[in-house]
Structures are given as C-alpha cells and as structure tokens.
Amino acid sequence: MSVHRIMGIETEYGISVTGQPSMNAMVASSHIVNAYASLVGAVGATRPRWDYELESPLRDARGFDISRADADPSQLTDEDLGLANVILTNGARLYVDHAHPEYSSPEVTNPRDAVIWDRAGAVIMHRAAHLAQAATGMQFLLYKNNTDNKGVSYGCHENYLMRRETPFTSITNALIPFFITRQVFTGAGRLGRGQDGSSVGFQLSQRADFFEVEVGLETTLKRPIINTRDEPHADPERYRRLHVIVGDANLSDTATYLKMGSTAIVLAMIEGGVPEILGLMPAQPVREMHAVSYDYDLEHLVALERGRSMTALEIQAVFLEAAWTFCDGPLGIDEQTKDVLVLWERTLDFLNNDRAAAAHTVDWCAKLALMEGYRRRDGLSWTDPRLALIDLQYSDMRSEKGLAYQLERRGSLARMVSDDEVAHAVARPPRDTRAFFRGECMRRYPDNIAAAAWDSVVFDLPEAETLLRVPTMEPTRGTAAHVEHLLDRATTAGALVRLLQGDGAAPE
C-alpha cells in the first residue's frame, strides 16, 4: 500500500492590524481576500461564487444528521453569508471563514504535493497582506499559527478520502492513539498552557488544549479528537472524507510532509484491517492529548485501556513497525511511501536521541531551541514577554520577520520543495486530480464561470438559457490526462461544454 490518496489542507490564518486592535476580524479578513481577488481579476458582481448546493455539514458519520435548529451557527458552513470568497486558478479556495482568512488547498494525491500547494497558500496570503496594505494604508499581519493565546483557537484541517465501507469504529480505535501521539513530530510548539495560555510552560502543540471530547461533529466548540462530519465532496457511495482537526499549522515542510504521509499510511492500514495498530487506546484520551503536549521531554507514560503504559514515542514506534510490514508487500514500496517511512523512523530516532537534529525538521523543536537559546543567554524565565514574541514571530508570514523563514535561510530549518515549484503552484493546479479542471476553467474562462465547488463547476454560457452544472464527483477524473486535450481545443467555455458532451469525457 501507499501514501498516495486524495488529500488536502485547510489553513485559517491568525490576523491583526497594526494600530487597530478593535477592528472587526471579519472586516480585516475581507480586506485580505478582496485584495487578492483584485490581483487575479476576480472582482465585482460577476465574481464566481462558491457553490454550496451539494454540501452537507450536519451529516454525521455515525449514521444521522443533526437538525439545523440544534446546530451551532459555526457548523452551518453551507450558508452563503456574503463574505469574501475567491476560487483560484490553482484550484484552491481563498475566503473569509468567520474571523479568519482561510486558504483551502486544491486536492492532491500525495504528501509532497500537499506541501507544495500548502506553501503556495502561504505565498498567496503574504501577497494579499501587502496588497491590502497598499489599498487601505493599514498594516495587516498574518500568522500561520493556531491560537491567539487569549482563549481562541483556529484550525489547520487535513482532509483524506477513505473507502466508504471502512467501519467508523475501526477509524476511531486506531486514530485516537495515533493522533494523540503524533504531536511529537506535528506540534508547532506553544508558549503557555491552557486555552488562554495563562499557565506557565512550553508545550508541543498549539491545538491540544482546545480538545474536550473524543468523538463529535463540532469543529469550533467541544472539539473532538475524531471529527465525524460526513461530507465527502465526492461520490458518497464510494467515499468518506476524514476531516482531521487536531493538527497544528506547520511551518516546516518536513513536518507537513510527515504529518500527511504518516496519516495516509495509517489510513491505508485501517482500510486493510491491520490488527497491530489496535489495542493502543488510552484510558482517558482527552487527558492524554493534553499530557503528551505538555511533556516536551517526551517521558510521559500514556495509560492505556488494557493496563499498559507507553510513551508517545513508543506508541508511534508500534505504528511505524506495523507500517513497514504492511507497506512492504509483494508489489514493493513506491518511492514516496518509502521516503515517508524512512523519515518517520529517522524523526522518532532523533526525538529519542538527538533533539538538536530534530530541530531541523520538527517545528516545536526548532521553536524550543530558539527559546532555550535566549533563556541561556539572557537568563529569561518562561514568563518573559520576549519569549512570547518569539512564539508569535515564528509564524509571522512576513519573510523578513518570520523566524521560521529566517531559520530556513540559515539552513537551520530544512526545505523540501523549491521556490520554483511553489511559484508554479500559486497559479496552476495539480495535474492529477479534478482540481486541474476547476483551476483551468477559472484561468481560461473566468467570465463564464458562475460558481464552483470541490464537486462541481457551474457555467454561465451566453447561448444557454440556464446555468449548466458540470459535476466533478470523482476526484481522480478531470485531470490533465482526462481533459487537457479538450481544454486546449476549446477557445470558449461553450466550446468546452460541447466537447465534454460529445466526447463523453466529462470530469464526473
């Protein structure tokens, strides 16, 4: 089996406006999105809208829907609130998600591409902030982090398509211990403990303190370790979309790559019924989620249901060993899957034996190394405001101010992908998913796209009396291999639709 599957990342960015502490966050975020919309020409009343028609945010994977009357307003993500929204030519979505600007990457097929198009989102956000400042005269600061340390958290969500027939109990039984312990390499690091950060100390994860239940549908309150939203944005008979909300927003390419790659392998093992990854359930999962995050010495023993106790690194080692056995089948291991496994093994070894080496790839280790350096040099306590500034500046999207970017330039934080690859991904979609069709339609026929979503593109053709929806329910169709020859032949959107209808190669 392989790391290859349909996946993507949604990142909400922290935002502030210099000298404007009371500015409404939705207004500030709208400035960001609208500024980038102006750059790419997606302005005015004819701007393509997001197509909410097929969305179902209140459907629960446990087999029921909650009523709209019982839902928290934050769960009604299928309502058009009139907030700024742009569908980008790279197949991504840039929009205002309540109080934050959010970049939702296009669908990709592997963790390396996930890194590239996630990093493209950071470039887009950085440009948007500059454009918003030029348009308004105000300085907008964006942070790729997960909390304001005042009790508010915002997400970096991962999405993975899985086989519909996989029992949901198998997913929860394996993923709860995996998610609790993968913080050792996915954590972005945080100064302060508790939701408001008022307790003294450093921890691995910026998100851990905000999780309160094991399983649930919510994403902004009573956050669950396993989110049960059953909204596949694809053929629901074939797929479920695993919506992962426990992850931190990583600045390290390697951490993002390992986060997406290791999770993809564990999902393949769950689908394959691998027994070795069961029996690791903590007796008190939420408590252990917090405890693992607080233990940056990585010595905490997680109490399991069956009476055993293991460290987070030991639990990860069980997953890794099972992954090697599972992936090394008769067909062999493809190159990227082997690369993820080797990196997973090397990272756990560094975390066990050489924390300085881990600082080259693991965000929390890099951030802690910076803080410890200042503590030794200047005799700082954990409560010194200069450490809080380091915590924030690590995630600053300004290339000249962000500490993660400075570490990269010094060679202290590893890069996995090139600037050229990222620059290409800012404007162009992946070629091997339906995002290619969506993004290329936006690039080639912007005046004839009325709306789009993950699972559809809606055309407004002068010669047609009604709007025409082209469904894209299969994420592995609408690729360059399927439709590029048609796009190259079609000089107009109407010509493309006629070719799709006549060729039988519609993205669905």
Protein backbone atom coordinates (compact mmCIF):
# COMPACT_ATOMS: atom_id res chain seq x y z
CA MET A 1 0.00 0.00 0.00
CA SER A 2 0.97 3.61 -0.45
CA VAL A 3 0.86 7.18 0.81
CA HIS A 4 -0.95 8.09 -2.39
CA ARG A 5 -4.59 9.07 -1.87
CA ILE A 6 -6.73 12.20 -2.33
CA MET A 7 -5.83 14.72 0.38
CA GLY A 8 -5.71 18.42 1.12
CA ILE A 9 -5.12 21.05 3.82
CA GLU A 10 -7.31 23.94 5.01
CA THR A 11 -5.49 26.66 6.95
CA GLU A 12 -7.04 29.55 8.85
CA TYR A 13 -4.50 32.32 9.43
CA GLY A 14 -4.25 34.48 12.50
CA ILE A 15 -4.70 38.15 11.68
CA SER A 16 -4.11 41.52 13.34
CA VAL A 17 -3.99 45.12 12.12
CA THR A 18 -1.25 47.35 13.44
CA GLY A 19 -2.71 50.20 15.48
CA GLN A 20 -6.26 48.86 15.06
CA PRO A 21 -6.78 46.40 17.93
CA SER A 22 -10.55 46.78 17.85
CA MET A 23 -11.02 46.27 14.11
CA ASN A 24 -13.64 43.64 13.36
CA ALA A 25 -11.86 40.44 12.38
CA MET A 26 -14.29 39.67 9.55
CA VAL A 27 -13.66 43.12 8.07
CA ALA A 28 -9.89 42.69 8.36
CA SER A 29 -10.05 39.24 6.78
CA SER A 30 -12.25 40.57 3.97
CA HIS A 31 -9.59 43.14 3.14
CA ILE A 32 -7.10 40.30 2.72
CA VAL A 33 -9.29 38.19 0.44
CA ASN A 34 -10.62 41.10 -1.61
CA ALA A 35 -7.12 42.46 -2.14
CA TYR A 36 -6.00 39.18 -3.67
CA ALA A 37 -9.23 38.99 -5.68
CA SER A 38 -8.30 42.32 -7.24
CA LEU A 39 -4.87 40.97 -8.17
CA VAL A 40 -6.30 37.97 -10.00
CA GLY A 41 -9.20 39.88 -11.54
CA ALA A 42 -11.94 38.16 -9.53
CA VAL A 43 -13.83 41.31 -8.62
CA GLY A 44 -17.31 42.75 -8.94
CA ALA A 45 -20.76 41.25 -9.11
CA THR A 46 -19.67 38.71 -11.74
CA ARG A 47 -17.10 37.09 -9.43
CA PRO A 48 -17.77 33.33 -9.40
CA ARG A 49 -19.48 32.32 -6.18
CA TRP A 50 -18.92 29.23 -4.10
CA ASP A 51 -21.48 26.54 -4.92
CA TYR A 52 -22.99 25.33 -1.64
CA GLU A 53 -25.79 23.24 -3.17
CA LEU A 54 -24.25 19.81 -2.59
CA GLU A 55 -22.72 20.48 0.84
CA SER A 56 -23.96 18.62 3.94
CA PRO A 57 -22.07 19.81 7.04
CA LEU A 58 -24.60 18.38 9.52
CA ARG A 59 -24.37 14.77 8.35
CA ASP A 60 -22.66 12.62 10.94
CA ALA A 61 -20.54 9.58 10.05
CA ARG A 62 -22.21 7.69 12.87
CA GLY A 63 -25.36 7.48 10.77
CA PHE A 64 -27.53 10.52 11.47
CA ASP A 65 -28.00 14.20 10.65
CA ILE A 66 -28.36 16.85 13.33
CA SER A 67 -31.08 19.43 12.80
CA ARG A 68 -30.22 22.96 11.77
CA ALA A 69 -32.10 24.19 14.82
CA ASP A 70 -29.76 22.22 17.11
CA ALA A 71 -26.57 23.16 15.29
CA ASP A 72 -24.19 25.86 16.40
CA PRO A 73 -24.09 28.66 13.80
CA SER A 74 -20.41 27.90 13.17
CA GLN A 75 -21.43 24.47 11.85
CA LEU A 76 -23.65 25.90 9.10
CA THR A 77 -20.84 26.11 6.56
CA ASP A 78 -23.30 25.60 3.68
CA GLU A 79 -24.80 29.08 4.13
CA ASP A 80 -23.61 31.91 1.93
CA LEU A 81 -23.02 34.76 4.37
CA GLY A 82 -21.84 37.10 1.65
CA LEU A 83 -18.27 37.09 2.94
CA ALA A 84 -15.29 37.49 0.62
CA ASN A 85 -14.56 34.39 -1.42
CA VAL A 86 -12.26 33.66 -4.36
CA ILE A 87 -11.85 30.46 -6.38
CA LEU A 88 -8.26 30.45 -7.56
CA THR A 89 -6.69 29.28 -10.79
CA ASN A 90 -4.63 26.75 -8.82
CA GLY A 91 -7.86 25.01 -7.81
CA ALA A 92 -7.81 26.34 -4.24
CA ARG A 93 -10.33 28.42 -2.34
CA LEU A 94 -9.42 31.67 -0.56
CA TYR A 95 -12.18 33.03 1.63
CA VAL A 96 -13.26 34.51 4.94
CA ASP A 97 -14.13 31.77 7.41
CA HIS A 98 -15.86 33.71 10.18
CA ALA A 99 -12.99 35.65 11.82
CA HIS A 100 -10.06 34.46 9.69
CA PRO A 101 -8.80 34.41 6.13
CA GLU A 102 -8.60 30.79 5.06
CA TYR A 103 -6.74 29.07 2.26
CA SER A 104 -8.13 25.64 1.33
CA SER A 105 -5.66 23.89 -0.91
CA PRO A 106 -6.68 22.01 -4.04
CA GLU A 107 -6.98 18.25 -3.88
CA VAL A 108 -3.65 16.48 -4.34
CA THR A 109 -2.67 12.82 -4.49
CA ASN A 110 0.40 12.65 -2.26
CA PRO A 111 2.05 14.35 0.74
CA ARG A 112 4.79 16.08 -1.24
CA ASP A 113 2.22 17.86 -3.38
CA ALA A 114 0.34 18.70 -0.18
CA VAL A 115 3.47 20.54 0.98
CA ILE A 116 3.80 22.41 -2.32
CA TRP A 117 0.22 23.67 -2.54
CA ASP A 118 0.06 24.42 1.19
CA ARG A 119 3.20 26.50 0.86
CA ALA A 120 1.65 28.22 -2.16
CA GLY A 121 -1.13 29.29 0.19
CA ALA A 122 1.40 30.99 2.45
CA VAL A 123 2.78 32.92 -0.54
CA ILE A 124 -0.74 33.94 -1.53
CA MET A 125 -1.50 35.16 1.99
CA HIS A 126 1.74 37.14 2.13
CA ARG A 127 0.96 38.86 -1.18
CA ALA A 128 -2.61 39.54 -0.12
CA ALA A 129 -1.44 41.28 3.06
CA HIS A 130 0.84 43.57 1.02
CA LEU A 131 -1.96 44.34 -1.43
CA ALA A 132 -4.42 45.06 1.38
CA GLN A 133 -1.94 47.47 2.96
CA ALA A 134 -1.44 49.25 -0.36
CA ALA A 135 -5.20 49.58 -0.82
CA THR A 136 -6.08 50.74 2.71
CA GLY A 137 -2.93 52.22 4.22
CA MET A 138 -3.24 49.79 7.14
CA GLN A 139 -0.66 47.15 8.01
CA PHE A 140 -2.14 43.64 8.11
CA LEU A 141 -0.13 40.99 9.94
CA LEU A 142 -0.80 37.33 9.21
CA TYR A 143 0.36 34.36 11.26
CA LYS A 144 0.35 30.69 10.36
CA ASN A 145 -0.45 29.60 13.90
CA ASN A 146 -3.42 28.19 15.81
CA THR A 147 -4.20 30.38 18.81
CA ASP A 148 -4.18 34.00 19.92
CA ASN A 149 -3.31 32.86 23.49
CA LYS A 150 -6.47 34.61 24.68
CA GLY A 151 -8.70 31.55 24.57
CA VAL A 152 -9.34 31.43 20.81
CA SER A 153 -8.10 28.68 18.50
CA TYR A 154 -8.32 28.42 14.73
CA GLY A 155 -7.66 25.38 12.67
CA CYS A 156 -5.33 23.74 10.22
CA HIS A 157 -7.53 20.90 8.99
CA GLU A 158 -6.42 17.91 6.96
CA ASN A 159 -8.70 16.00 4.62
CA TYR A 160 -8.26 12.47 3.34
CA LEU A 161 -10.63 10.41 1.20
CA MET A 162 -11.27 6.91 2.51
CA ARG A 163 -13.26 3.92 1.37
CA ARG A 164 -16.89 4.25 2.41
CA GLU A 165 -17.09 0.63 3.58
CA THR A 166 -14.44 1.10 6.28
CA PRO A 167 -16.19 0.74 9.69
CA PHE A 168 -16.11 4.02 11.57
CA THR A 169 -15.26 2.22 14.82
CA SER A 170 -12.06 0.94 13.20
CA ILE A 171 -11.17 4.51 12.31
CA THR A 172 -11.68 5.83 15.83
CA ASN A 173 -9.96 2.90 17.57
CA ALA A 174 -6.78 3.34 15.57
CA LEU A 175 -6.70 7.08 15.01
CA ILE A 176 -7.30 8.31 18.56
CA PRO A 177 -3.98 6.90 19.85
CA PHE A 178 -2.24 7.89 16.63
CA PHE A 179 -3.43 11.50 16.75
CA ILE A 180 -2.66 11.86 20.46
CA THR A 181 0.93 10.73 19.96
CA ARG A 182 1.81 12.14 16.52
CA GLN A 183 2.10 15.52 18.26
CA VAL A 184 5.73 14.57 18.86
CA PHE A 185 6.50 15.45 15.23
CA THR A 186 3.49 17.52 14.12
CA GLY A 187 3.37 20.00 17.01
CA ALA A 188 4.18 23.61 16.12
CA GLY A 189 5.15 24.46 19.70
CA ARG A 190 3.41 26.85 22.06
CA LEU A 191 4.44 29.02 24.98
CA GLY A 192 1.78 28.78 27.68
CA ARG A 193 -0.69 26.11 28.72
CA GLY A 194 -4.44 26.07 28.97
CA GLN A 195 -6.79 27.53 26.38
CA ASP A 196 -5.88 31.09 27.34
CA GLY A 197 -2.19 30.25 27.68
CA SER A 198 -2.08 31.62 31.20
CA SER A 199 -0.32 28.65 32.80
CA VAL A 200 3.46 28.77 32.62
CA GLY A 201 5.33 26.36 30.39
CA PHE A 202 6.11 25.23 26.88
CA GLN A 203 4.19 22.52 25.04
CA LEU A 204 4.38 20.60 21.78
CA SER A 205 1.05 21.55 20.23
CA GLN A 206 -0.89 24.75 19.79
CA ARG A 207 -4.15 22.85 19.38
CA ALA A 208 -4.09 20.17 22.10
CA ASP A 209 -5.58 22.29 24.91
CA PHE A 210 -8.68 23.01 22.84
CA PHE A 211 -9.89 19.41 22.56
CA GLU A 212 -12.57 18.37 25.01
CA VAL A 213 -14.22 15.17 23.73
CA GLU A 214 -13.16 12.02 21.93
CA VAL A 215 -15.63 11.93 19.03
CA GLY A 216 -18.08 14.51 17.69
CA LEU A 217 -19.33 16.65 14.81
CA GLU A 218 -18.24 20.05 16.05
CA THR A 219 -15.08 21.88 14.95
CA THR A 220 -15.17 25.14 16.93
CA LEU A 221 -16.65 24.08 20.28
CA LYS A 222 -16.38 20.88 22.29
CA ARG A 223 -13.72 19.98 19.77
CA PRO A 224 -13.37 16.21 19.26
CA ILE A 225 -10.19 14.27 18.60
CA ILE A 226 -12.11 12.48 15.83
CA ASN A 227 -14.42 14.70 13.81
CA THR A 228 -17.47 12.89 12.44
CA ARG A 229 -18.54 15.24 9.67
CA ASP A 230 -19.64 13.03 6.77
CA GLU A 231 -19.30 15.38 3.83
CA PRO A 232 -17.15 13.66 1.22
CA HIS A 233 -17.38 16.27 -1.57
CA ALA A 234 -17.33 13.19 -3.80
CA ASP A 235 -19.44 10.15 -4.59
CA PRO A 236 -20.90 9.27 -1.15
CA GLU A 237 -21.43 5.66 -2.17
CA ARG A 238 -17.69 5.19 -2.63
CA TYR A 239 -16.01 7.67 -0.31
CA ARG A 240 -15.98 9.22 3.10
CA ARG A 241 -13.81 12.25 3.78
CA LEU A 242 -11.87 12.07 7.01
CA HIS A 243 -11.85 15.64 8.32
CA VAL A 244 -8.90 15.91 10.72
CA ILE A 245 -8.99 18.93 13.03
CA VAL A 246 -6.31 18.01 15.60
CA GLY A 247 -3.26 19.13 13.61
CA ASP A 248 -1.15 22.25 14.02
CA ALA A 249 -0.28 24.66 11.22
CA ASN A 250 3.28 23.70 10.38
CA LEU A 251 5.99 25.99 9.05
CA SER A 252 8.41 23.12 8.47
CA ASP A 253 7.99 21.49 5.07
CA THR A 254 9.17 18.22 6.58
CA ALA A 255 6.63 18.31 9.40
CA THR A 256 3.79 18.87 6.94
CA TYR A 257 5.10 16.08 4.70
CA LEU A 258 5.42 13.62 7.58
CA LYS A 259 2.06 14.62 9.05
CA MET A 260 0.24 13.96 5.78
CA GLY A 261 2.31 10.94 4.77
CA SER A 262 2.20 9.04 8.06
CA THR A 263 -1.53 9.66 8.41
CA ALA A 264 -2.16 8.42 4.87
CA ILE A 265 -0.29 5.20 5.66
CA VAL A 266 -2.23 4.66 8.89
CA LEU A 267 -5.47 5.14 6.98
CA ALA A 268 -4.36 2.51 4.47
CA MET A 269 -3.65 0.14 7.37
CA ILE A 270 -7.10 0.82 8.84
CA GLU A 271 -8.71 0.08 5.48
CA GLY A 272 -6.58 -3.07 5.30
CA GLY A 273 -7.61 -4.25 8.77
CA VAL A 274 -4.12 -4.34 10.27
CA PRO A 275 -4.53 -5.64 13.86
CA GLU A 276 -1.19 -4.41 15.21
CA ILE A 277 -2.42 -0.82 15.39
CA LEU A 278 -5.34 -1.69 17.65
CA GLY A 279 -5.19 -2.14 21.43
CA LEU A 280 -3.38 1.19 21.93
CA MET A 281 -6.40 3.19 23.10
CA PRO A 282 -5.60 5.48 26.07
CA ALA A 283 -7.83 5.05 29.10
CA GLN A 284 -8.50 8.81 29.13
CA PRO A 285 -7.86 10.11 25.59
CA VAL A 286 -8.58 13.80 26.13
CA ARG A 287 -6.47 13.93 29.27
CA GLU A 288 -3.63 12.20 27.45
CA MET A 289 -3.95 14.58 24.50
CA HIS A 290 -3.07 17.41 26.88
CA ALA A 291 -0.47 15.45 28.85
CA VAL A 292 1.52 14.42 25.77
CA SER A 293 1.57 18.02 24.58
CA TYR A 294 2.86 19.29 27.93
CA ASP A 295 5.71 16.77 28.01
CA TYR A 296 8.45 18.22 25.84
CA ASP A 297 10.92 15.84 27.50
CA LEU A 298 8.85 13.05 25.86
CA GLU A 299 8.90 10.91 29.00
CA HIS A 300 5.19 10.90 29.92
CA LEU A 301 3.66 7.44 30.14
CA VAL A 302 0.28 7.20 28.42
CA ALA A 303 -2.02 4.92 30.42
CA LEU A 304 -3.76 2.51 28.02
CA GLU A 305 -7.10 0.80 28.46
CA ARG A 306 -5.56 -2.64 28.87
CA GLY A 307 -3.44 -1.63 31.84
CA ARG A 308 -0.19 -0.97 29.99
CA SER A 309 1.65 2.33 29.87
CA MET A 310 3.76 3.55 26.95
CA THR A 311 5.39 6.81 25.97
CA ALA A 312 4.16 8.67 22.90
CA LEU A 313 7.35 7.70 21.08
CA GLU A 314 6.82 4.04 21.92
CA ILE A 315 3.26 4.16 20.61
CA GLN A 316 4.46 5.83 17.41
CA ALA A 317 7.10 3.11 17.07
CA VAL A 318 4.32 0.47 17.11
CA PHE A 319 2.53 2.29 14.29
CA LEU A 320 5.77 2.62 12.35
CA GLU A 321 6.71 -1.05 12.67
CA ALA A 322 3.24 -2.08 11.52
CA ALA A 323 3.52 0.38 8.63
CA TRP A 324 6.83 -1.10 7.40
CA THR A 325 5.34 -4.60 7.48
CA PHE A 326 2.13 -3.50 5.80
CA CYS A 327 3.73 -1.47 3.00
CA ASP A 328 6.48 -3.98 2.19
CA GLY A 329 4.16 -6.33 0.37
CA PRO A 330 4.66 -8.40 -2.78
CA LEU A 331 4.35 -5.31 -5.00
CA GLY A 332 7.08 -3.47 -3.11
CA ILE A 333 7.08 0.08 -1.80
CA ASP A 334 6.83 3.06 -4.11
CA GLU A 335 9.49 5.74 -3.75
CA GLN A 336 7.48 8.34 -1.84
CA THR A 337 5.99 5.81 0.57
CA LYS A 338 9.46 4.51 1.39
CA ASP A 339 10.67 8.09 1.83
CA VAL A 340 7.91 8.79 4.36
CA LEU A 341 8.66 5.60 6.27
CA VAL A 342 12.39 6.35 6.41
CA LEU A 343 11.70 9.93 7.52
CA TRP A 344 9.21 8.73 10.15
CA GLU A 345 11.82 6.31 11.53
CA ARG A 346 14.61 8.89 11.47
CA THR A 347 12.44 11.51 13.17
CA LEU A 348 11.49 9.20 16.02
CA ASP A 349 15.17 8.31 16.42
CA PHE A 350 16.16 11.98 16.58
CA LEU A 351 13.42 12.71 19.11
CA ASN A 352 14.70 9.82 21.22
CA ASN A 353 18.41 10.53 20.94
CA ASP A 354 19.31 13.83 19.27
CA ARG A 355 16.84 16.67 19.88
CA ALA A 356 19.19 19.16 18.19
CA ALA A 357 18.95 17.22 14.94
CA ALA A 358 15.15 17.11 15.25
CA ALA A 359 15.13 20.94 15.34
CA HIS A 360 15.98 20.91 11.62
CA THR A 361 12.61 19.37 10.75
CA VAL A 362 10.21 19.48 13.73
CA ASP A 363 8.61 22.87 14.40
CA TRP A 364 8.28 22.59 18.17
CA CYS A 365 11.92 21.53 18.48
CA ALA A 366 13.06 24.45 16.34
CA LYS A 367 10.99 26.91 18.34
CA LEU A 368 12.09 25.46 21.68
CA ALA A 369 15.74 25.66 20.60
CA LEU A 370 15.29 29.37 19.86
CA MET A 371 13.67 29.99 23.23
CA GLU A 372 16.22 27.98 25.16
CA GLY A 373 19.00 29.90 23.44
CA TYR A 374 17.55 33.20 24.65
CA ARG A 375 16.91 31.77 28.11
CA ARG A 376 20.55 30.70 28.45
CA ARG A 377 21.98 33.90 27.01
CA ASP A 378 19.79 36.39 28.88
CA GLY A 379 18.65 34.37 31.89
CA LEU A 380 14.98 34.64 30.89
CA SER A 381 12.13 32.97 32.74
CA TRP A 382 9.28 31.25 30.88
CA THR A 383 7.10 34.28 31.66
CA ASP A 384 9.38 36.80 29.96
CA PRO A 385 7.47 38.65 27.21
CA ARG A 386 10.43 38.27 24.85
CA LEU A 387 9.71 34.54 24.67
CA ALA A 388 6.06 35.25 23.85
CA LEU A 389 7.30 37.43 21.00
CA ILE A 390 9.45 34.56 19.69
CA ASP A 391 6.42 32.28 19.86
CA LEU A 392 4.42 34.68 17.69
CA GLN A 393 7.20 35.71 15.32
CA TYR A 394 7.98 32.10 14.47
CA SER A 395 4.72 32.02 12.49
CA ASP A 396 4.87 35.55 11.03
CA MET A 397 4.15 35.43 7.29
CA ARG A 398 6.46 38.36 6.54
CA SER A 399 9.55 36.80 5.02
CA GLU A 400 11.80 39.39 6.63
CA LYS A 401 10.24 39.00 10.11
CA GLY A 402 9.12 35.38 10.37
CA LEU A 403 11.58 33.37 12.44
CA ALA A 404 10.80 30.14 10.61
CA TYR A 405 11.74 31.83 7.34
CA GLN A 406 14.94 33.15 8.90
CA LEU A 407 15.84 29.65 10.07
CA GLU A 408 15.26 28.35 6.53
CA ARG A 409 17.56 30.99 5.04
CA ARG A 410 20.27 29.99 7.52
CA GLY A 411 19.82 26.32 6.66
CA SER A 412 18.63 25.54 10.19
CA LEU A 413 15.11 24.52 9.13
CA ALA A 414 15.03 22.13 6.19
CA ARG A 415 13.27 22.93 2.92
CA MET A 416 11.75 20.09 0.91
CA VAL A 417 10.37 21.93 -2.11
CA SER A 418 11.81 24.67 -4.30
CA ASP A 419 10.67 28.25 -4.78
CA ASP A 420 10.01 27.46 -8.46
CA GLU A 421 7.67 24.60 -7.55
CA VAL A 422 5.79 26.83 -5.13
CA ALA A 423 5.58 29.72 -7.61
CA HIS A 424 4.07 27.36 -10.18
CA ALA A 425 1.55 26.10 -7.60
CA VAL A 426 0.45 29.66 -6.75
CA ALA A 427 -1.09 29.98 -10.20
CA ARG A 428 -1.59 26.43 -11.51
CA PRO A 429 -3.45 23.39 -10.16
CA PRO A 430 -2.21 19.85 -9.62
CA ARG A 431 -2.40 17.89 -12.86
CA ASP A 432 -3.58 14.59 -11.38
CA THR A 433 -6.87 15.47 -9.64
CA ARG A 434 -10.15 17.16 -10.58
CA ALA A 435 -8.60 20.41 -9.30
CA PHE A 436 -6.98 20.63 -12.74
CA PHE A 437 -10.37 21.02 -14.41
CA ARG A 438 -11.61 23.54 -11.83
CA GLY A 439 -8.46 25.65 -11.86
CA GLU A 440 -8.01 25.64 -15.63
CA CYS A 441 -11.65 26.62 -16.16
CA MET A 442 -11.11 29.55 -13.80
CA ARG A 443 -7.95 30.55 -15.68
CA ARG A 444 -9.26 30.11 -19.22
CA TYR A 445 -12.93 31.06 -18.94
CA PRO A 446 -13.32 33.31 -15.86
CA ASP A 447 -16.18 35.33 -17.34
CA ASN A 448 -18.25 32.20 -17.93
CA ILE A 449 -17.94 30.55 -14.51
CA ALA A 450 -20.93 31.36 -12.34
CA ALA A 451 -19.90 29.17 -9.42
CA ALA A 452 -17.67 26.30 -8.43
CA ALA A 453 -17.08 23.91 -5.56
CA TRP A 454 -14.99 20.84 -4.88
CA ASP A 455 -17.56 18.69 -6.67
CA SER A 456 -18.87 20.95 -9.46
CA VAL A 457 -18.19 23.77 -11.88
CA VAL A 458 -21.20 25.87 -12.94
CA PHE A 459 -21.05 27.55 -16.36
CA ASP A 460 -22.97 30.66 -17.43
CA LEU A 461 -22.99 30.50 -21.22
CA PRO A 462 -24.42 33.30 -23.39
CA GLU A 463 -26.05 30.77 -25.67
CA ALA A 464 -27.73 28.83 -22.82
CA GLU A 465 -30.97 29.80 -21.12
CA THR A 466 -29.97 28.33 -17.77
CA LEU A 467 -26.79 27.72 -15.83
CA LEU A 468 -25.07 24.43 -16.57
CA ARG A 469 -23.50 22.44 -13.73
CA VAL A 470 -20.69 20.05 -14.65
CA PRO A 471 -20.35 17.62 -11.75
CA THR A 472 -16.90 16.54 -10.61
CA MET A 473 -17.85 13.85 -8.13
CA GLU A 474 -14.86 11.64 -8.89
CA PRO A 475 -11.66 13.33 -7.63
CA THR A 476 -9.40 11.28 -9.90
CA ARG A 477 -11.16 12.49 -13.07
CA GLY A 478 -11.00 15.95 -14.57
CA THR A 479 -7.21 15.55 -14.53
CA ALA A 480 -4.83 16.80 -17.20
CA ALA A 481 -4.80 13.32 -18.70
CA HIS A 482 -8.59 13.39 -19.00
CA VAL A 483 -9.40 16.93 -20.13
CA GLU A 484 -6.32 18.93 -21.13
CA HIS A 485 -6.71 18.00 -24.80
CA LEU A 486 -10.29 19.26 -24.69
CA LEU A 487 -9.33 22.47 -22.91
CA ASP A 488 -6.63 23.12 -25.49
CA ARG A 489 -9.14 22.68 -28.31
CA ALA A 490 -11.84 24.88 -26.74
CA THR A 491 -11.37 28.61 -27.30
CA THR A 492 -14.58 29.38 -25.41
CA ALA A 493 -16.44 27.91 -22.44
CA GLY A 494 -19.32 26.98 -24.75
CA ALA A 495 -16.95 25.06 -26.99
CA LEU A 496 -15.59 23.21 -23.96
CA VAL A 497 -19.08 22.21 -22.83
CA ARG A 498 -19.92 20.93 -26.30
CA LEU A 499 -16.70 18.94 -26.39
CA LEU A 500 -17.42 17.46 -22.97
CA GLN A 501 -20.90 16.47 -24.03
CA GLY A 502 -19.75 15.00 -27.30
CA ASP A 503 -16.54 13.38 -26.12
CA GLY A 504 -18.03 11.58 -23.15
CA ALA A 505 -15.02 12.68 -21.12
CA ALA A 506 -16.88 14.85 -18.62
CA PRO A 507 -14.97 15.13 -15.34
CA GLU A 508 -17.51 13.08 -13.42
